[in-house]
Amino acid sequence: MPRPARTDGLDKFRRYRATRQARGMKLLRVWVPDPHAPGFREEAQRQARLLRGAAEESEALDFIAAAADLGDDAQ
């Protein structure tokens, strides 16, 4: 059985945003590179070559591994 329509004057997405905001969340929009864009693969490989063996590479890999471990706990 469908729920009755809300009469608060807000559409579904505005109500969703208001609920999240009331819970202390903030909407964040982020532009990220498109992996299907021409030249993306070459640029990613170029940057990976620059990092290979650098201290920043191991730091980033440690962070990714830790984040993956956190994700496993959530299941």
N, C-alpha and C. Protein backbone atom coordinates (compact mmCIF):
# COMPACT_ATOMS: atom_id res chain seq x y z
N MET A 1 0.85 -1.18 0.00
CA MET A 1 0.00 0.00 0.00
C MET A 1 0.89 1.24 0.00
N PRO A 2 0.69 2.17 -0.93
CA PRO A 2 1.54 3.36 -0.99
C PRO A 2 1.31 4.29 0.19
N ARG A 3 2.37 4.99 0.54
CA ARG A 3 2.26 5.98 1.61
C ARG A 3 1.51 7.20 1.10
N PRO A 4 0.80 7.89 1.97
CA PRO A 4 0.12 9.12 1.53
C PRO A 4 1.13 10.21 1.19
N ALA A 5 0.78 11.05 0.24
CA ALA A 5 1.68 12.14 -0.17
C ALA A 5 1.87 13.11 0.99
N ARG A 6 3.08 13.63 1.08
CA ARG A 6 3.37 14.63 2.11
C ARG A 6 2.86 15.99 1.66
N THR A 7 2.41 16.76 2.60
CA THR A 7 1.88 18.08 2.27
C THR A 7 2.76 19.20 2.81
N ASP A 8 4.07 18.90 2.97
CA ASP A 8 4.97 19.92 3.52
C ASP A 8 5.47 20.88 2.44
N GLY A 9 5.08 20.67 1.19
CA GLY A 9 5.47 21.58 0.12
C GLY A 9 6.85 21.30 -0.45
N LEU A 10 7.54 20.29 0.05
CA LEU A 10 8.87 19.97 -0.44
C LEU A 10 8.81 18.75 -1.35
N ASP A 11 9.62 18.77 -2.41
CA ASP A 11 9.70 17.58 -3.23
C ASP A 11 10.58 16.55 -2.52
N LYS A 12 10.61 15.36 -3.06
CA LYS A 12 11.30 14.25 -2.39
C LYS A 12 12.77 14.55 -2.12
N PHE A 13 13.47 15.12 -3.11
CA PHE A 13 14.89 15.37 -2.92
C PHE A 13 15.13 16.47 -1.89
N ARG A 14 14.34 17.52 -1.91
CA ARG A 14 14.50 18.58 -0.90
C ARG A 14 14.26 18.04 0.50
N ARG A 15 13.27 17.17 0.65
CA ARG A 15 13.00 16.57 1.95
C ARG A 15 14.19 15.70 2.37
N TYR A 16 14.74 14.93 1.42
CA TYR A 16 15.90 14.09 1.70
C TYR A 16 17.08 14.95 2.17
N ARG A 17 17.36 16.06 1.46
CA ARG A 17 18.46 16.94 1.86
C ARG A 17 18.22 17.55 3.23
N ALA A 18 16.99 17.97 3.49
CA ALA A 18 16.66 18.57 4.79
C ALA A 18 16.86 17.57 5.93
N THR A 19 16.47 16.32 5.68
CA THR A 19 16.66 15.27 6.69
C THR A 19 18.13 15.03 6.97
N ARG A 20 18.92 14.93 5.91
CA ARG A 20 20.36 14.71 6.07
C ARG A 20 21.01 15.89 6.78
N GLN A 21 20.62 17.09 6.42
CA GLN A 21 21.20 18.28 7.04
C GLN A 21 20.87 18.31 8.53
N ALA A 22 19.65 17.92 8.88
CA ALA A 22 19.24 17.89 10.28
C ALA A 22 20.06 16.87 11.07
N ARG A 23 20.58 15.86 10.38
CA ARG A 23 21.42 14.84 11.03
C ARG A 23 22.90 15.21 11.03
N GLY A 24 23.20 16.45 10.62
CA GLY A 24 24.59 16.91 10.67
C GLY A 24 25.40 16.60 9.43
N MET A 25 24.75 16.20 8.35
CA MET A 25 25.46 15.89 7.12
C MET A 25 25.49 17.13 6.22
N LYS A 26 26.46 17.16 5.31
CA LYS A 26 26.58 18.27 4.37
C LYS A 26 26.68 17.71 2.96
N LEU A 27 25.91 18.29 2.03
CA LEU A 27 25.95 17.87 0.64
C LEU A 27 27.25 18.37 0.03
N LEU A 28 27.95 17.46 -0.65
CA LEU A 28 29.23 17.80 -1.27
C LEU A 28 29.21 17.26 -2.69
N ARG A 29 29.45 18.15 -3.63
CA ARG A 29 29.54 17.73 -5.03
C ARG A 29 31.00 17.83 -5.45
N VAL A 30 31.47 16.78 -6.09
CA VAL A 30 32.88 16.71 -6.47
C VAL A 30 33.00 16.33 -7.94
N TRP A 31 33.80 17.08 -8.66
CA TRP A 31 34.12 16.73 -10.04
C TRP A 31 35.35 15.83 -10.01
N VAL A 32 35.27 14.72 -10.69
CA VAL A 32 36.39 13.78 -10.76
C VAL A 32 36.72 13.50 -12.22
N PRO A 33 37.95 13.09 -12.51
CA PRO A 33 38.30 12.78 -13.90
C PRO A 33 37.46 11.64 -14.45
N ASP A 34 37.09 11.75 -15.71
CA ASP A 34 36.31 10.72 -16.39
C ASP A 34 37.27 9.67 -16.94
N PRO A 35 37.20 8.44 -16.44
CA PRO A 35 38.13 7.41 -16.91
C PRO A 35 37.93 7.03 -18.38
N HIS A 36 36.83 7.48 -18.97
CA HIS A 36 36.58 7.19 -20.39
C HIS A 36 37.05 8.32 -21.30
N ALA A 37 37.54 9.40 -20.70
CA ALA A 37 37.99 10.55 -21.49
C ALA A 37 39.28 10.21 -22.24
N PRO A 38 39.43 10.77 -23.44
CA PRO A 38 40.68 10.54 -24.18
C PRO A 38 41.88 11.03 -23.36
N GLY A 39 42.91 10.22 -23.31
CA GLY A 39 44.14 10.60 -22.62
C GLY A 39 44.16 10.26 -21.14
N PHE A 40 43.02 9.82 -20.59
CA PHE A 40 42.97 9.52 -19.15
C PHE A 40 43.96 8.41 -18.79
N ARG A 41 43.92 7.32 -19.55
CA ARG A 41 44.77 6.17 -19.25
C ARG A 41 46.25 6.55 -19.30
N GLU A 42 46.64 7.29 -20.32
CA GLU A 42 48.04 7.70 -20.47
C GLU A 42 48.48 8.59 -19.31
N GLU A 43 47.61 9.52 -18.92
CA GLU A 43 47.95 10.42 -17.81
C GLU A 43 48.04 9.66 -16.50
N ALA A 44 47.14 8.71 -16.28
CA ALA A 44 47.19 7.90 -15.05
C ALA A 44 48.48 7.09 -15.00
N GLN A 45 48.86 6.53 -16.14
CA GLN A 45 50.10 5.75 -16.19
C GLN A 45 51.32 6.64 -15.96
N ARG A 46 51.29 7.86 -16.53
CA ARG A 46 52.40 8.79 -16.35
C ARG A 46 52.57 9.15 -14.87
N GLN A 47 51.45 9.43 -14.21
CA GLN A 47 51.51 9.78 -12.79
C GLN A 47 51.95 8.59 -11.94
N ALA A 48 51.51 7.40 -12.31
CA ALA A 48 51.92 6.20 -11.58
C ALA A 48 53.43 5.98 -11.69
N ARG A 49 53.98 6.23 -12.90
CA ARG A 49 55.44 6.10 -13.08
C ARG A 49 56.19 7.10 -12.20
N LEU A 50 55.65 8.31 -12.08
CA LEU A 50 56.30 9.33 -11.25
C LEU A 50 56.33 8.93 -9.78
N LEU A 51 55.30 8.23 -9.33
CA LEU A 51 55.20 7.85 -7.92
C LEU A 51 55.94 6.55 -7.58
N ARG A 52 56.18 5.72 -8.59
CA ARG A 52 56.75 4.40 -8.33
C ARG A 52 58.02 4.51 -7.49
N GLY A 53 57.99 3.87 -6.33
CA GLY A 53 59.15 3.85 -5.45
C GLY A 53 59.25 5.04 -4.51
N ALA A 54 58.40 6.06 -4.68
CA ALA A 54 58.46 7.25 -3.83
C ALA A 54 57.78 6.97 -2.49
N ALA A 55 58.15 7.72 -1.47
CA ALA A 55 57.56 7.56 -0.14
C ALA A 55 56.04 7.80 -0.19
N GLU A 56 55.62 8.73 -1.05
CA GLU A 56 54.19 9.03 -1.16
C GLU A 56 53.41 7.81 -1.67
N GLU A 57 54.05 7.00 -2.50
CA GLU A 57 53.38 5.81 -3.03
C GLU A 57 53.05 4.84 -1.90
N SER A 58 54.02 4.54 -1.06
CA SER A 58 53.75 3.59 0.02
C SER A 58 52.76 4.17 1.03
N GLU A 59 52.82 5.48 1.25
CA GLU A 59 51.86 6.12 2.15
C GLU A 59 50.44 5.99 1.60
N ALA A 60 50.28 6.23 0.30
CA ALA A 60 48.97 6.13 -0.33
C ALA A 60 48.47 4.68 -0.30
N LEU A 61 49.35 3.73 -0.58
CA LEU A 61 48.95 2.32 -0.57
C LEU A 61 48.57 1.86 0.83
N ASP A 62 49.28 2.35 1.85
CA ASP A 62 48.92 2.02 3.23
C ASP A 62 47.53 2.56 3.57
N PHE A 63 47.25 3.79 3.11
CA PHE A 63 45.95 4.40 3.36
C PHE A 63 44.84 3.59 2.68
N ILE A 64 45.07 3.19 1.45
CA ILE A 64 44.07 2.40 0.70
C ILE A 64 43.83 1.06 1.40
N ALA A 65 44.89 0.43 1.85
CA ALA A 65 44.75 -0.86 2.54
C ALA A 65 43.96 -0.69 3.83
N ALA A 66 44.24 0.38 4.57
CA ALA A 66 43.51 0.63 5.81
C ALA A 66 42.04 0.89 5.52
N ALA A 67 41.75 1.66 4.46
CA ALA A 67 40.36 1.94 4.10
C ALA A 67 39.64 0.67 3.67
N ALA A 68 40.35 -0.21 2.97
CA ALA A 68 39.75 -1.48 2.55
C ALA A 68 39.43 -2.33 3.77
N ASP A 69 40.31 -2.31 4.77
CA ASP A 69 40.06 -3.07 5.99
C ASP A 69 38.83 -2.54 6.73
N LEU A 70 38.64 -1.22 6.73
CA LEU A 70 37.46 -0.63 7.36
C LEU A 70 36.20 -1.07 6.63
N GLY A 71 36.28 -1.15 5.31
CA GLY A 71 35.13 -1.58 4.52
C GLY A 71 34.74 -3.02 4.81
N ASP A 72 35.73 -3.86 5.09
CA ASP A 72 35.44 -5.26 5.40
C ASP A 72 34.68 -5.39 6.71
N ASP A 73 34.96 -4.50 7.67
CA ASP A 73 34.29 -4.55 8.97
C ASP A 73 32.82 -4.20 8.86
N ALA A 74 32.47 -3.41 7.86
CA ALA A 74 31.10 -2.93 7.72
C ALA A 74 30.16 -4.04 7.22
N GLN A 75 30.69 -5.12 6.70
CA GLN A 75 29.83 -6.16 6.12
C GLN A 75 29.31 -7.10 7.16
